[in-house]
Amino acid sequence: MIKIPRGKSGETALVIAQKIAKEAGSLILKKFYGAKKISVKGINDVVTDADKASEKLMRSLIFAEYPEMGFLGEESGGAQINDGFVWIVDPIDGTRNYARGIPFFSLVIGLSFQGNVLLGVTYDPIREEMFYAQEGKGSYLNSERIQVSNKEKLSECLLGFDLSYTGVAGGQTLDVISNAWGKVAAARLMGSSALGLAYVASGRYDIYIHPQLSPWDQIAGILLIQEAGGQITDRYGKPITLDSTGVLSANKTIHRKFYNESRNLQLMKDESDKS
């Protein structure tokens, strides 16, 4: 297990991450209720002035504590995920919701070492809910230990999902949801992948699937689910990494059952695997 150095303030990395999440959360919450500057940054993707301001704040606070570590942000880029210590942040996860005034979004801050996740925080400033985990120390919601659900039947499960910005992957995801319809209890489109993963870790949701995520989307969720006793893989059922293509998460029993029900659908087929 990698030992994480303390910051310049003498506080632990997890405490620092939580404080930064709170500060950035306050910033985006203030801007949420006011006028926003919204611009398009890609196919079906938007960015707001709050995203940029939040990331700038998070970056400055991280470098004040850890000037020698790397930084990777959704809006500004930065270090490579396989470098040494790298802080990875998503200043607003669920920007589309945020831009439209829908109060369901979060921010993410995590720390990795050579691509291995050491700690992660997902903060929902609307509800003041902070999900956090550190390697080997469990997953928590506002200081209360959390666990994935203990459901054993797909028919009892609440399925969360989100779609890709590309039509092909989005359509393939809808095929998976259509296949699951009638086999699960209900399905919900989340709008924030970070909260989707956090909700599985806390047992609110039983399954979460997404076809295509970036390191900043999933760094906290990977560790939250693992430390909460769940299973998270890429969409092909293979071990998860920060640069994996998509995610499938649940408790271990439900993960196996859902994957087996879906594995023959196009989204779940790894075309690069010729074995």
C-alpha atoms as a PDB file:
ATOM      1  CA  MET A   1       0.000   0.000   0.000  1.00  0.00           C
ATOM      2  CA  ILE A   2       1.391   3.386  -1.035  1.00  0.00           C
ATOM      3  CA  LYS A   3       2.038   5.854   1.764  1.00  0.00           C
ATOM      4  CA  ILE A   4       0.578   9.244   0.906  1.00  0.00           C
ATOM      5  CA  PRO A   5       2.618  12.188   2.218  1.00  0.00           C
ATOM      6  CA  ARG A   6       0.934  14.916   4.203  1.00  0.00           C
ATOM      7  CA  GLY A   7       0.405  18.303   2.599  1.00  0.00           C
ATOM      8  CA  LYS A   8       2.270  21.519   3.393  1.00  0.00           C
ATOM      9  CA  SER A   9      -0.333  22.272   6.060  1.00  0.00           C
ATOM     10  CA  GLY A  10       0.471  19.013   7.848  1.00  0.00           C
ATOM     11  CA  GLU A  11      -2.979  17.562   7.145  1.00  0.00           C
ATOM     12  CA  THR A  12      -3.623  14.235   5.468  1.00  0.00           C
ATOM     13  CA  ALA A  13      -4.383  14.038   1.769  1.00  0.00           C
ATOM     14  CA  LEU A  14      -7.939  12.854   2.453  1.00  0.00           C
ATOM     15  CA  VAL A  15      -8.695  15.770   4.774  1.00  0.00           C
ATOM     16  CA  ILE A  16      -7.213  18.162   2.226  1.00  0.00           C
ATOM     17  CA  ALA A  17      -9.319  16.637  -0.556  1.00  0.00           C
ATOM     18  CA  GLN A  18     -12.472  16.981   1.525  1.00  0.00           C
ATOM     19  CA  LYS A  19     -11.733  20.621   2.330  1.00  0.00           C
ATOM     20  CA  ILE A  20     -11.042  21.414  -1.312  1.00  0.00           C
ATOM     21  CA  ALA A  21     -14.284  19.679  -2.310  1.00  0.00           C
ATOM     22  CA  LYS A  22     -16.198  21.810   0.182  1.00  0.00           C
ATOM     23  CA  GLU A  23     -14.626  25.053  -1.083  1.00  0.00           C
ATOM     24  CA  ALA A  24     -15.208  24.220  -4.723  1.00  0.00           C
ATOM     25  CA  GLY A  25     -18.718  23.044  -3.852  1.00  0.00           C
ATOM     26  CA  SER A  26     -19.518  26.396  -2.269  1.00  0.00           C
ATOM     27  CA  LEU A  27     -18.284  28.159  -5.392  1.00  0.00           C
ATOM     28  CA  ILE A  28     -20.390  26.175  -7.853  1.00  0.00           C
ATOM     29  CA  LEU A  29     -23.426  26.343  -5.574  1.00  0.00           C
ATOM     30  CA  LYS A  30     -23.300  30.142  -5.536  1.00  0.00           C
ATOM     31  CA  LYS A  31     -23.032  30.234  -9.306  1.00  0.00           C
ATOM     32  CA  PHE A  32     -25.803  27.644  -9.728  1.00  0.00           C
ATOM     33  CA  TYR A  33     -28.451  30.127  -8.602  1.00  0.00           C
ATOM     34  CA  GLY A  34     -27.168  32.948 -10.808  1.00  0.00           C
ATOM     35  CA  ALA A  35     -26.598  33.626 -14.502  1.00  0.00           C
ATOM     36  CA  LYS A  36     -24.209  31.212 -16.204  1.00  0.00           C
ATOM     37  CA  LYS A  37     -22.000  31.516 -19.249  1.00  0.00           C
ATOM     38  CA  ILE A  38     -22.436  28.316 -21.267  1.00  0.00           C
ATOM     39  CA  SER A  39     -20.390  27.237 -24.271  1.00  0.00           C
ATOM     40  CA  VAL A  40     -20.124  24.096 -26.391  1.00  0.00           C
ATOM     41  CA  LYS A  41     -16.864  22.163 -26.088  1.00  0.00           C
ATOM     42  CA  GLY A  42     -17.634  19.029 -28.092  1.00  0.00           C
ATOM     43  CA  ILE A  43     -20.353  16.869 -29.580  1.00  0.00           C
ATOM     44  CA  ASN A  44     -23.394  17.249 -27.309  1.00  0.00           C
ATOM     45  CA  ASP A  45     -21.110  18.489 -24.513  1.00  0.00           C
ATOM     46  CA  VAL A  46     -21.124  21.849 -22.744  1.00  0.00           C
ATOM     47  CA  VAL A  47     -18.974  23.735 -20.262  1.00  0.00           C
ATOM     48  CA  THR A  48     -19.896  26.648 -17.993  1.00  0.00           C
ATOM     49  CA  ASP A  49     -17.890  29.429 -16.427  1.00  0.00           C
ATOM     50  CA  ALA A  50     -18.487  27.631 -13.120  1.00  0.00           C
ATOM     51  CA  ASP A  51     -16.664  24.516 -14.396  1.00  0.00           C
ATOM     52  CA  LYS A  52     -13.637  26.618 -15.255  1.00  0.00           C
ATOM     53  CA  ALA A  53     -13.700  28.608 -12.014  1.00  0.00           C
ATOM     54  CA  SER A  54     -14.118  25.457  -9.920  1.00  0.00           C
ATOM     55  CA  GLU A  55     -11.209  23.704 -11.598  1.00  0.00           C
ATOM     56  CA  LYS A  56      -8.985  26.767 -11.275  1.00  0.00           C
ATOM     57  CA  LEU A  57      -9.750  26.910  -7.545  1.00  0.00           C
ATOM     58  CA  MET A  58      -9.163  23.197  -7.037  1.00  0.00           C
ATOM     59  CA  ARG A  59      -5.886  23.335  -8.926  1.00  0.00           C
ATOM     60  CA  SER A  60      -4.555  26.262  -6.889  1.00  0.00           C
ATOM     61  CA  LEU A  61      -5.533  24.677  -3.566  1.00  0.00           C
ATOM     62  CA  ILE A  62      -3.947  21.351  -4.522  1.00  0.00           C
ATOM     63  CA  PHE A  63      -0.680  22.945  -5.624  1.00  0.00           C
ATOM     64  CA  ALA A  64      -0.571  24.977  -2.399  1.00  0.00           C
ATOM     65  CA  GLU A  65      -0.455  21.664  -0.517  1.00  0.00           C
ATOM     66  CA  TYR A  66       1.343  19.433  -3.019  1.00  0.00           C
ATOM     67  CA  PRO A  67       3.417  21.538  -5.438  1.00  0.00           C
ATOM     68  CA  GLU A  68       5.443  18.538  -6.622  1.00  0.00           C
ATOM     69  CA  MET A  69       2.505  16.305  -7.546  1.00  0.00           C
ATOM     70  CA  GLY A  70       0.789  16.101 -10.907  1.00  0.00           C
ATOM     71  CA  PHE A  71      -2.638  17.482 -11.738  1.00  0.00           C
ATOM     72  CA  LEU A  72      -5.197  16.373 -14.336  1.00  0.00           C
ATOM     73  CA  GLY A  73      -8.476  18.230 -14.783  1.00  0.00           C
ATOM     74  CA  GLU A  74     -11.363  17.775 -17.170  1.00  0.00           C
ATOM     75  CA  GLU A  75     -11.161  21.336 -18.459  1.00  0.00           C
ATOM     76  CA  SER A  76      -7.419  22.052 -18.412  1.00  0.00           C
ATOM     77  CA  GLY A  77      -5.808  18.645 -18.898  1.00  0.00           C
ATOM     78  CA  GLY A  78      -2.365  18.173 -17.356  1.00  0.00           C
ATOM     79  CA  ALA A  79      -0.441  15.134 -16.164  1.00  0.00           C
ATOM     80  CA  GLN A  80      -0.668  11.592 -17.523  1.00  0.00           C
ATOM     81  CA  ILE A  81      -2.629   9.127 -15.378  1.00  0.00           C
ATOM     82  CA  ASN A  82       0.310   6.714 -15.188  1.00  0.00           C
ATOM     83  CA  ASP A  83       2.699   9.302 -13.767  1.00  0.00           C
ATOM     84  CA  GLY A  84       3.597   9.209 -10.055  1.00  0.00           C
ATOM     85  CA  PHE A  85       1.213  10.976  -7.690  1.00  0.00           C
ATOM     86  CA  VAL A  86      -1.502  12.672  -9.754  1.00  0.00           C
ATOM     87  CA  TRP A  87      -4.518  14.589  -8.506  1.00  0.00           C
ATOM     88  CA  ILE A  88      -7.463  14.121 -10.872  1.00  0.00           C
ATOM     89  CA  VAL A  89     -10.526  16.366 -10.688  1.00  0.00           C
ATOM     90  CA  ASP A  90     -13.897  16.916 -12.304  1.00  0.00           C
ATOM     91  CA  PRO A  91     -15.005  20.441 -11.329  1.00  0.00           C
ATOM     92  CA  ILE A  92     -18.662  19.685 -12.115  1.00  0.00           C
ATOM     93  CA  ASP A  93     -19.868  16.204 -12.957  1.00  0.00           C
ATOM     94  CA  GLY A  94     -23.288  16.627 -14.503  1.00  0.00           C
ATOM     95  CA  THR A  95     -22.636  19.939 -16.235  1.00  0.00           C
ATOM     96  CA  ARG A  96     -25.678  19.533 -18.485  1.00  0.00           C
ATOM     97  CA  ASN A  97     -27.912  19.304 -15.401  1.00  0.00           C
ATOM     98  CA  TYR A  98     -26.076  22.209 -13.795  1.00  0.00           C
ATOM     99  CA  ALA A  99     -26.400  24.424 -16.873  1.00  0.00           C
ATOM    100  CA  ARG A 100     -30.159  23.811 -17.077  1.00  0.00           C
ATOM    101  CA  GLY A 101     -30.780  24.491 -13.402  1.00  0.00           C
ATOM    102  CA  ILE A 102     -31.382  20.855 -12.491  1.00  0.00           C
ATOM    103  CA  PRO A 103     -30.106  20.285  -8.928  1.00  0.00           C
ATOM    104  CA  PHE A 104     -28.363  16.970  -9.536  1.00  0.00           C
ATOM    105  CA  PHE A 105     -24.618  17.264 -10.030  1.00  0.00           C
ATOM    106  CA  SER A 106     -21.393  16.761  -8.099  1.00  0.00           C
ATOM    107  CA  LEU A 107     -17.685  17.379  -8.156  1.00  0.00           C
ATOM    108  CA  VAL A 108     -14.891  14.847  -7.963  1.00  0.00           C
ATOM    109  CA  ILE A 109     -11.368  14.886  -6.586  1.00  0.00           C
ATOM    110  CA  GLY A 110      -9.077  11.879  -6.394  1.00  0.00           C
ATOM    111  CA  LEU A 111      -5.440  10.922  -6.024  1.00  0.00           C
ATOM    112  CA  SER A 112      -3.682   8.178  -7.945  1.00  0.00           C
ATOM    113  CA  PHE A 113      -0.168   6.787  -8.029  1.00  0.00           C
ATOM    114  CA  GLN A 114       1.016   5.291 -11.317  1.00  0.00           C
ATOM    115  CA  GLY A 115      -2.605   4.777 -12.307  1.00  0.00           C
ATOM    116  CA  ASN A 116      -3.710   3.148  -9.040  1.00  0.00           C
ATOM    117  CA  VAL A 117      -6.436   4.983  -7.126  1.00  0.00           C
ATOM    118  CA  LEU A 118      -5.432   5.897  -3.573  1.00  0.00           C
ATOM    119  CA  LEU A 119      -8.347   8.067  -2.481  1.00  0.00           C
ATOM    120  CA  GLY A 120     -11.447   9.625  -3.931  1.00  0.00           C
ATOM    121  CA  VAL A 121     -14.121  12.131  -2.992  1.00  0.00           C
ATOM    122  CA  THR A 122     -17.469  12.773  -4.672  1.00  0.00           C
ATOM    123  CA  TYR A 123     -19.265  15.779  -3.240  1.00  0.00           C
ATOM    124  CA  ASP A 124     -22.883  16.780  -3.834  1.00  0.00           C
ATOM    125  CA  PRO A 125     -23.113  20.402  -2.657  1.00  0.00           C
ATOM    126  CA  ILE A 126     -26.887  20.613  -3.084  1.00  0.00           C
ATOM    127  CA  ARG A 127     -27.498  17.883  -0.499  1.00  0.00           C
ATOM    128  CA  GLU A 128     -24.228  18.412   1.398  1.00  0.00           C
ATOM    129  CA  GLU A 129     -23.362  14.752   0.889  1.00  0.00           C
ATOM    130  CA  MET A 130     -19.709  13.800   0.743  1.00  0.00           C
ATOM    131  CA  PHE A 131     -18.853  10.283  -0.387  1.00  0.00           C
ATOM    132  CA  TYR A 132     -15.233   9.371   0.195  1.00  0.00           C
ATOM    133  CA  ALA A 133     -12.885   6.428   0.342  1.00  0.00           C
ATOM    134  CA  GLN A 134      -9.225   5.715   0.888  1.00  0.00           C
ATOM    135  CA  GLU A 135      -7.450   2.540  -0.118  1.00  0.00           C
ATOM    136  CA  GLY A 136      -7.866  -0.109   2.577  1.00  0.00           C
ATOM    137  CA  LYS A 137      -9.953   2.124   4.854  1.00  0.00           C
ATOM    138  CA  GLY A 138     -13.526   1.689   3.645  1.00  0.00           C
ATOM    139  CA  SER A 139     -16.103   3.937   2.036  1.00  0.00           C
ATOM    140  CA  TYR A 140     -18.080   6.630   3.818  1.00  0.00           C
ATOM    141  CA  LEU A 141     -20.912   9.098   3.421  1.00  0.00           C
ATOM    142  CA  ASN A 142     -20.550  12.050   5.788  1.00  0.00           C
ATOM    143  CA  SER A 143     -18.554   9.926   8.293  1.00  0.00           C
ATOM    144  CA  GLU A 144     -20.971   6.966   8.170  1.00  0.00           C
ATOM    145  CA  ARG A 145     -19.596   3.707   6.744  1.00  0.00           C
ATOM    146  CA  ILE A 146     -21.408   2.595   3.594  1.00  0.00           C
ATOM    147  CA  GLN A 147     -21.794  -0.741   1.812  1.00  0.00           C
ATOM    148  CA  VAL A 148     -23.215  -1.846  -1.501  1.00  0.00           C
ATOM    149  CA  SER A 149     -26.680  -3.385  -1.406  1.00  0.00           C
ATOM    150  CA  ASN A 150     -27.203  -7.047  -0.566  1.00  0.00           C
ATOM    151  CA  LYS A 151     -29.748  -7.727  -3.314  1.00  0.00           C
ATOM    152  CA  GLU A 152     -29.468 -11.164  -4.923  1.00  0.00           C
ATOM    153  CA  LYS A 153     -32.234 -11.021  -7.528  1.00  0.00           C
ATOM    154  CA  LEU A 154     -32.204  -8.769 -10.585  1.00  0.00           C
ATOM    155  CA  SER A 155     -35.965  -8.334 -10.143  1.00  0.00           C
ATOM    156  CA  GLU A 156     -35.280  -6.430  -6.903  1.00  0.00           C
ATOM    157  CA  CYS A 157     -32.665  -4.107  -8.393  1.00  0.00           C
ATOM    158  CA  LEU A 158     -32.735  -0.398  -9.158  1.00  0.00           C
ATOM    159  CA  LEU A 159     -30.597   0.208 -12.240  1.00  0.00           C
ATOM    160  CA  GLY A 160     -28.886   3.528 -12.857  1.00  0.00           C
ATOM    161  CA  PHE A 161     -27.340   4.443 -16.183  1.00  0.00           C
ATOM    162  CA  ASP A 162     -26.084   7.266 -18.356  1.00  0.00           C
ATOM    163  CA  LEU A 163     -25.426   7.606 -22.072  1.00  0.00           C
ATOM    164  CA  SER A 164     -22.416   8.543 -24.152  1.00  0.00           C
ATOM    165  CA  TYR A 165     -21.947  11.761 -26.083  1.00  0.00           C
ATOM    166  CA  THR A 166     -21.708   9.596 -29.205  1.00  0.00           C
ATOM    167  CA  GLY A 167     -24.832   8.196 -30.801  1.00  0.00           C
ATOM    168  CA  VAL A 168     -23.454   4.701 -31.366  1.00  0.00           C
ATOM    169  CA  ALA A 169     -22.462   3.994 -27.760  1.00  0.00           C
ATOM    170  CA  GLY A 170     -25.590   5.722 -26.485  1.00  0.00           C
ATOM    171  CA  GLY A 171     -27.812   3.577 -28.671  1.00  0.00           C
ATOM    172  CA  GLN A 172     -25.985   0.434 -27.609  1.00  0.00           C
ATOM    173  CA  THR A 173     -26.504   1.387 -23.974  1.00  0.00           C
ATOM    174  CA  LEU A 174     -30.216   1.776 -24.581  1.00  0.00           C
ATOM    175  CA  ASP A 175     -30.184  -1.743 -26.035  1.00  0.00           C
ATOM    176  CA  VAL A 176     -28.746  -2.984 -22.736  1.00  0.00           C
ATOM    177  CA  ILE A 177     -31.387  -1.089 -20.756  1.00  0.00           C
ATOM    178  CA  SER A 178     -34.133  -2.414 -23.038  1.00  0.00           C
ATOM    179  CA  ASN A 179     -32.859  -5.945 -22.521  1.00  0.00           C
ATOM    180  CA  ALA A 180     -32.894  -5.412 -18.748  1.00  0.00           C
ATOM    181  CA  TRP A 181     -36.382  -3.882 -18.756  1.00  0.00           C
ATOM    182  CA  GLY A 182     -38.757  -6.305 -17.087  1.00  0.00           C
ATOM    183  CA  LYS A 183     -35.858  -8.144 -15.446  1.00  0.00           C
ATOM    184  CA  VAL A 184     -34.982  -5.332 -13.030  1.00  0.00           C
ATOM    185  CA  ALA A 185     -37.333  -3.440 -10.734  1.00  0.00           C
ATOM    186  CA  ALA A 186     -36.745  -0.022 -12.302  1.00  0.00           C
ATOM    187  CA  ALA A 187     -34.218   2.036 -14.277  1.00  0.00           C
ATOM    188  CA  ARG A 188     -33.136   5.647 -13.855  1.00  0.00           C
ATOM    189  CA  LEU A 189     -31.092   7.981 -16.066  1.00  0.00           C
ATOM    190  CA  MET A 190     -28.751   9.748 -13.627  1.00  0.00           C
ATOM    191  CA  GLY A 191     -27.131  12.732 -15.332  1.00  0.00           C
ATOM    192  CA  SER A 192     -24.051  12.477 -13.086  1.00  0.00           C
ATOM    193  CA  SER A 193     -21.903   9.378 -13.435  1.00  0.00           C
ATOM    194  CA  ALA A 194     -19.995  10.187 -10.256  1.00  0.00           C
ATOM    195  CA  LEU A 195     -23.230  10.184  -8.260  1.00  0.00           C
ATOM    196  CA  GLY A 196     -24.394   7.048 -10.065  1.00  0.00           C
ATOM    197  CA  LEU A 197     -21.304   5.214  -8.829  1.00  0.00           C
ATOM    198  CA  ALA A 198     -21.571   6.746  -5.346  1.00  0.00           C
ATOM    199  CA  TYR A 199     -25.186   5.638  -5.122  1.00  0.00           C
ATOM    200  CA  VAL A 200     -24.181   2.045  -5.878  1.00  0.00           C
ATOM    201  CA  ALA A 201     -21.454   2.240  -3.224  1.00  0.00           C
ATOM    202  CA  SER A 202     -24.012   3.435  -0.671  1.00  0.00           C
ATOM    203  CA  GLY A 203     -26.671   0.872  -1.592  1.00  0.00           C
ATOM    204  CA  ARG A 204     -29.159   3.421  -2.921  1.00  0.00           C
ATOM    205  CA  TYR A 205     -28.825   1.902  -6.376  1.00  0.00           C
ATOM    206  CA  ASP A 206     -27.979  -1.718  -7.076  1.00  0.00           C
ATOM    207  CA  ILE A 207     -26.443  -1.384 -10.557  1.00  0.00           C
ATOM    208  CA  TYR A 208     -24.841   1.435 -12.510  1.00  0.00           C
ATOM    209  CA  ILE A 209     -23.660   1.214 -16.105  1.00  0.00           C
ATOM    210  CA  HIS A 210     -22.025   3.778 -18.379  1.00  0.00           C
ATOM    211  CA  PRO A 211     -20.570   3.149 -21.835  1.00  0.00           C
ATOM    212  CA  GLN A 212     -17.705   5.631 -21.844  1.00  0.00           C
ATOM    213  CA  LEU A 213     -16.068   7.480 -18.952  1.00  0.00           C
ATOM    214  CA  SER A 214     -12.914   9.538 -18.438  1.00  0.00           C
ATOM    215  CA  PRO A 215     -10.477   9.263 -15.498  1.00  0.00           C
ATOM    216  CA  TRP A 216     -12.026  12.270 -13.730  1.00  0.00           C
ATOM    217  CA  ASP A 217     -15.502  10.771 -13.993  1.00  0.00           C
ATOM    218  CA  GLN A 218     -14.625   7.492 -12.337  1.00  0.00           C
ATOM    219  CA  ILE A 219     -11.592   7.954 -10.073  1.00  0.00           C
ATOM    220  CA  ALA A 220     -13.668   8.345  -6.903  1.00  0.00           C
ATOM    221  CA  GLY A 221     -16.349   5.849  -7.918  1.00  0.00           C
ATOM    222  CA  ILE A 222     -13.881   3.037  -8.553  1.00  0.00           C
ATOM    223  CA  LEU A 223     -12.555   3.180  -5.011  1.00  0.00           C
ATOM    224  CA  LEU A 224     -15.915   3.939  -3.400  1.00  0.00           C
ATOM    225  CA  ILE A 225     -17.409   0.742  -4.811  1.00  0.00           C
ATOM    226  CA  GLN A 226     -14.371  -1.433  -4.153  1.00  0.00           C
ATOM    227  CA  GLU A 227     -14.082  -0.249  -0.555  1.00  0.00           C
ATOM    228  CA  ALA A 228     -17.841  -0.688  -0.072  1.00  0.00           C
ATOM    229  CA  GLY A 229     -17.544  -4.375  -0.943  1.00  0.00           C
ATOM    230  CA  GLY A 230     -18.846  -4.124  -4.501  1.00  0.00           C
ATOM    231  CA  GLN A 231     -17.520  -5.038  -7.908  1.00  0.00           C
ATOM    232  CA  ILE A 232     -16.708  -2.567 -10.654  1.00  0.00           C
ATOM    233  CA  THR A 233     -15.349  -3.598 -14.030  1.00  0.00           C
ATOM    234  CA  ASP A 234     -15.164  -2.110 -17.476  1.00  0.00           C
ATOM    235  CA  ARG A 235     -18.217  -2.684 -19.642  1.00  0.00           C
ATOM    236  CA  TYR A 236     -16.676  -5.926 -20.949  1.00  0.00           C
ATOM    237  CA  GLY A 237     -16.449  -7.406 -17.459  1.00  0.00           C
ATOM    238  CA  LYS A 238     -12.669  -6.940 -17.290  1.00  0.00           C
ATOM    239  CA  PRO A 239     -10.704  -5.373 -14.404  1.00  0.00           C
ATOM    240  CA  ILE A 240     -11.254  -1.636 -14.145  1.00  0.00           C
ATOM    241  CA  THR A 241      -8.526   0.962 -14.673  1.00  0.00           C
ATOM    242  CA  LEU A 242      -8.634   4.738 -14.866  1.00  0.00           C
ATOM    243  CA  ASP A 243      -8.595   4.593 -18.657  1.00  0.00           C
ATOM    244  CA  SER A 244     -11.122   1.762 -18.996  1.00  0.00           C
ATOM    245  CA  THR A 245     -13.906   2.003 -21.552  1.00  0.00           C
ATOM    246  CA  GLY A 246     -17.105   2.332 -19.564  1.00  0.00           C
ATOM    247  CA  VAL A 247     -18.140   0.753 -16.290  1.00  0.00           C
ATOM    248  CA  LEU A 248     -20.447  -1.857 -14.857  1.00  0.00           C
ATOM    249  CA  SER A 249     -20.871  -1.793 -11.076  1.00  0.00           C
ATOM    250  CA  ALA A 250     -22.972  -3.652  -8.524  1.00  0.00           C
ATOM    251  CA  ASN A 251     -22.525  -6.069  -5.663  1.00  0.00           C
ATOM    252  CA  LYS A 252     -20.647  -9.185  -6.750  1.00  0.00           C
ATOM    253  CA  THR A 253     -23.713 -11.395  -7.155  1.00  0.00           C
ATOM    254  CA  ILE A 254     -25.731  -8.876  -9.149  1.00  0.00           C
ATOM    255  CA  HIS A 255     -22.724  -7.870 -11.238  1.00  0.00           C
ATOM    256  CA  ARG A 256     -22.321 -11.451 -12.407  1.00  0.00           C
ATOM    257  CA  LYS A 257     -26.022 -11.883 -13.132  1.00  0.00           C
ATOM    258  CA  PHE A 258     -26.412  -8.593 -14.979  1.00  0.00           C
ATOM    259  CA  TYR A 259     -23.276  -9.157 -17.031  1.00  0.00           C
ATOM    260  CA  ASN A 260     -24.412 -12.646 -18.015  1.00  0.00           C
ATOM    261  CA  GLU A 261     -27.777 -11.242 -19.115  1.00  0.00           C
ATOM    262  CA  SER A 262     -26.095  -8.555 -21.216  1.00  0.00           C
ATOM    263  CA  ARG A 263     -22.819 -10.024 -22.440  1.00  0.00           C
ATOM    264  CA  ASN A 264     -24.078 -10.900 -25.940  1.00  0.00           C
ATOM    265  CA  LEU A 265     -25.227  -7.348 -26.658  1.00  0.00           C
ATOM    266  CA  GLN A 266     -22.956  -5.150 -28.755  1.00  0.00           C
ATOM    267  CA  LEU A 267     -22.039  -2.721 -25.961  1.00  0.00           C
ATOM    268  CA  MET A 268     -20.579  -5.542 -23.868  1.00  0.00           C
ATOM    269  CA  LYS A 269     -18.546  -7.178 -26.647  1.00  0.00           C
ATOM    270  CA  ASP A 270     -14.852  -6.353 -26.686  1.00  0.00           C
ATOM    271  CA  GLU A 271     -14.056  -6.284 -30.398  1.00  0.00           C
ATOM    272  CA  SER A 272     -10.320  -6.000 -29.629  1.00  0.00           C
ATOM    273  CA  ASP A 273     -10.346  -9.336 -27.809  1.00  0.00           C
ATOM    274  CA  LYS A 274      -9.624 -11.983 -30.425  1.00  0.00           C
ATOM    275  CA  SER A 275      -8.952 -14.768 -27.952  1.00  0.00           C
END
